[in-house]
Amino acid sequence: MTANKPVESAHARILLNRLDEINALDKSGLSSSEKKSLRKEARAIKSELKRANGGVYLSVGAIIIIVLLLILLL
């Protein structure tokens, strides 16, 4: 599977199966516009899977600010 975390929902499994189909597809016979649409579809699926997994993401700048605030307060 392409996801790092286990997938719970059936919708996410369907998306992963479609992503695997796209990756396994022989793209040598496709036109450039068809390849482009497959790339867009794959990116959309990956972004939807990331949103479905949820979680909290912190940037490096936010982590530095949090550490500085902790140092100043403690």
C-alpha atoms as a PDB file:
ATOM      1  CA  MET A   1       0.000   0.000   0.000  1.00  0.00           C
ATOM      2  CA  THR A   2       1.088   3.566  -0.501  1.00  0.00           C
ATOM      3  CA  ALA A   3      -0.129   4.881   2.846  1.00  0.00           C
ATOM      4  CA  ASN A   4       2.000   4.658   5.959  1.00  0.00           C
ATOM      5  CA  LYS A   5      -0.904   4.274   8.381  1.00  0.00           C
ATOM      6  CA  PRO A   6      -3.496   1.497   8.273  1.00  0.00           C
ATOM      7  CA  VAL A   7      -6.614   2.497   6.415  1.00  0.00           C
ATOM      8  CA  GLU A   8      -9.911   2.114   8.259  1.00  0.00           C
ATOM      9  CA  SER A   9     -12.579   3.290   5.860  1.00  0.00           C
ATOM     10  CA  ALA A  10     -13.859   1.562   2.758  1.00  0.00           C
ATOM     11  CA  HIS A  11     -13.654   4.814   0.797  1.00  0.00           C
ATOM     12  CA  ALA A  12      -9.940   5.099   1.550  1.00  0.00           C
ATOM     13  CA  ARG A  13      -9.409   1.491   0.425  1.00  0.00           C
ATOM     14  CA  ILE A  14     -11.171   2.270  -2.850  1.00  0.00           C
ATOM     15  CA  LEU A  15      -8.944   5.302  -3.351  1.00  0.00           C
ATOM     16  CA  LEU A  16      -5.825   3.250  -2.633  1.00  0.00           C
ATOM     17  CA  ASN A  17      -6.937   0.579  -5.101  1.00  0.00           C
ATOM     18  CA  ARG A  18      -7.453   3.220  -7.792  1.00  0.00           C
ATOM     19  CA  LEU A  19      -4.030   4.696  -7.038  1.00  0.00           C
ATOM     20  CA  ASP A  20      -2.468   1.241  -7.384  1.00  0.00           C
ATOM     21  CA  GLU A  21      -4.293   0.787 -10.718  1.00  0.00           C
ATOM     22  CA  ILE A  22      -2.914   4.092 -11.983  1.00  0.00           C
ATOM     23  CA  ASN A  23       0.615   3.162 -10.925  1.00  0.00           C
ATOM     24  CA  ALA A  24       0.384  -0.279 -12.548  1.00  0.00           C
ATOM     25  CA  LEU A  25      -1.037   1.088 -15.791  1.00  0.00           C
ATOM     26  CA  ASP A  26       1.148   0.915 -18.929  1.00  0.00           C
ATOM     27  CA  LYS A  27       1.464   4.585 -19.811  1.00  0.00           C
ATOM     28  CA  SER A  28       3.614   4.162 -22.920  1.00  0.00           C
ATOM     29  CA  GLY A  29       0.616   3.995 -25.263  1.00  0.00           C
ATOM     30  CA  LEU A  30      -1.173   7.016 -23.800  1.00  0.00           C
ATOM     31  CA  SER A  31      -1.160  10.526 -25.194  1.00  0.00           C
ATOM     32  CA  SER A  32       0.310  13.383 -23.201  1.00  0.00           C
ATOM     33  CA  SER A  33      -3.135  14.731 -22.278  1.00  0.00           C
ATOM     34  CA  GLU A  34      -4.182  11.312 -20.942  1.00  0.00           C
ATOM     35  CA  LYS A  35      -0.973  11.061 -18.905  1.00  0.00           C
ATOM     36  CA  LYS A  36      -1.603  14.557 -17.555  1.00  0.00           C
ATOM     37  CA  SER A  37      -5.134  13.673 -16.481  1.00  0.00           C
ATOM     38  CA  LEU A  38      -3.841  10.526 -14.731  1.00  0.00           C
ATOM     39  CA  ARG A  39      -1.234  12.591 -12.882  1.00  0.00           C
ATOM     40  CA  LYS A  40      -3.919  15.056 -11.777  1.00  0.00           C
ATOM     41  CA  GLU A  41      -6.148  12.213 -10.618  1.00  0.00           C
ATOM     42  CA  ALA A  42      -3.289  10.605  -8.686  1.00  0.00           C
ATOM     43  CA  ARG A  43      -2.431  13.914  -6.990  1.00  0.00           C
ATOM     44  CA  ALA A  44      -6.081  14.464  -6.076  1.00  0.00           C
ATOM     45  CA  ILE A  45      -6.331  10.982  -4.580  1.00  0.00           C
ATOM     46  CA  LYS A  46      -3.141  11.462  -2.559  1.00  0.00           C
ATOM     47  CA  SER A  47      -4.298  14.814  -1.201  1.00  0.00           C
ATOM     48  CA  GLU A  48      -7.705  13.360  -0.285  1.00  0.00           C
ATOM     49  CA  LEU A  49      -6.009  10.487   1.552  1.00  0.00           C
ATOM     50  CA  LYS A  50      -3.826  12.941   3.456  1.00  0.00           C
ATOM     51  CA  ARG A  51      -6.886  14.931   4.500  1.00  0.00           C
ATOM     52  CA  ALA A  52      -8.677  11.748   5.542  1.00  0.00           C
ATOM     53  CA  ASN A  53      -5.795  10.662   7.784  1.00  0.00           C
ATOM     54  CA  GLY A  54      -6.014  13.895   9.736  1.00  0.00           C
ATOM     55  CA  GLY A  55      -3.437  14.759  12.337  1.00  0.00           C
ATOM     56  CA  VAL A  56      -1.701  17.911  13.443  1.00  0.00           C
ATOM     57  CA  TYR A  57       1.234  19.186  11.429  1.00  0.00           C
ATOM     58  CA  LEU A  58       3.629  21.781  12.783  1.00  0.00           C
ATOM     59  CA  SER A  59       6.088  23.737  10.711  1.00  0.00           C
ATOM     60  CA  VAL A  60       9.692  24.184  11.784  1.00  0.00           C
ATOM     61  CA  GLY A  61       9.024  27.853  12.551  1.00  0.00           C
ATOM     62  CA  ALA A  62       6.104  26.977  14.814  1.00  0.00           C
ATOM     63  CA  ILE A  63       8.219  24.445  16.700  1.00  0.00           C
ATOM     64  CA  ILE A  64      10.985  27.013  17.219  1.00  0.00           C
ATOM     65  CA  ILE A  65       8.488  29.566  18.538  1.00  0.00           C
ATOM     66  CA  ILE A  66       6.987  27.004  20.919  1.00  0.00           C
ATOM     67  CA  VAL A  67      10.426  26.032  22.224  1.00  0.00           C
ATOM     68  CA  LEU A  68      11.393  29.699  22.727  1.00  0.00           C
ATOM     69  CA  LEU A  69       8.157  30.383  24.580  1.00  0.00           C
ATOM     70  CA  LEU A  70       8.735  27.371  26.816  1.00  0.00           C
ATOM     71  CA  ILE A  71      12.284  28.526  27.567  1.00  0.00           C
ATOM     72  CA  LEU A  72      11.086  32.038  28.414  1.00  0.00           C
ATOM     73  CA  LEU A  73       8.208  30.855  30.582  1.00  0.00           C
ATOM     74  CA  LEU A  74      10.122  28.189  32.481  1.00  0.00           C
END
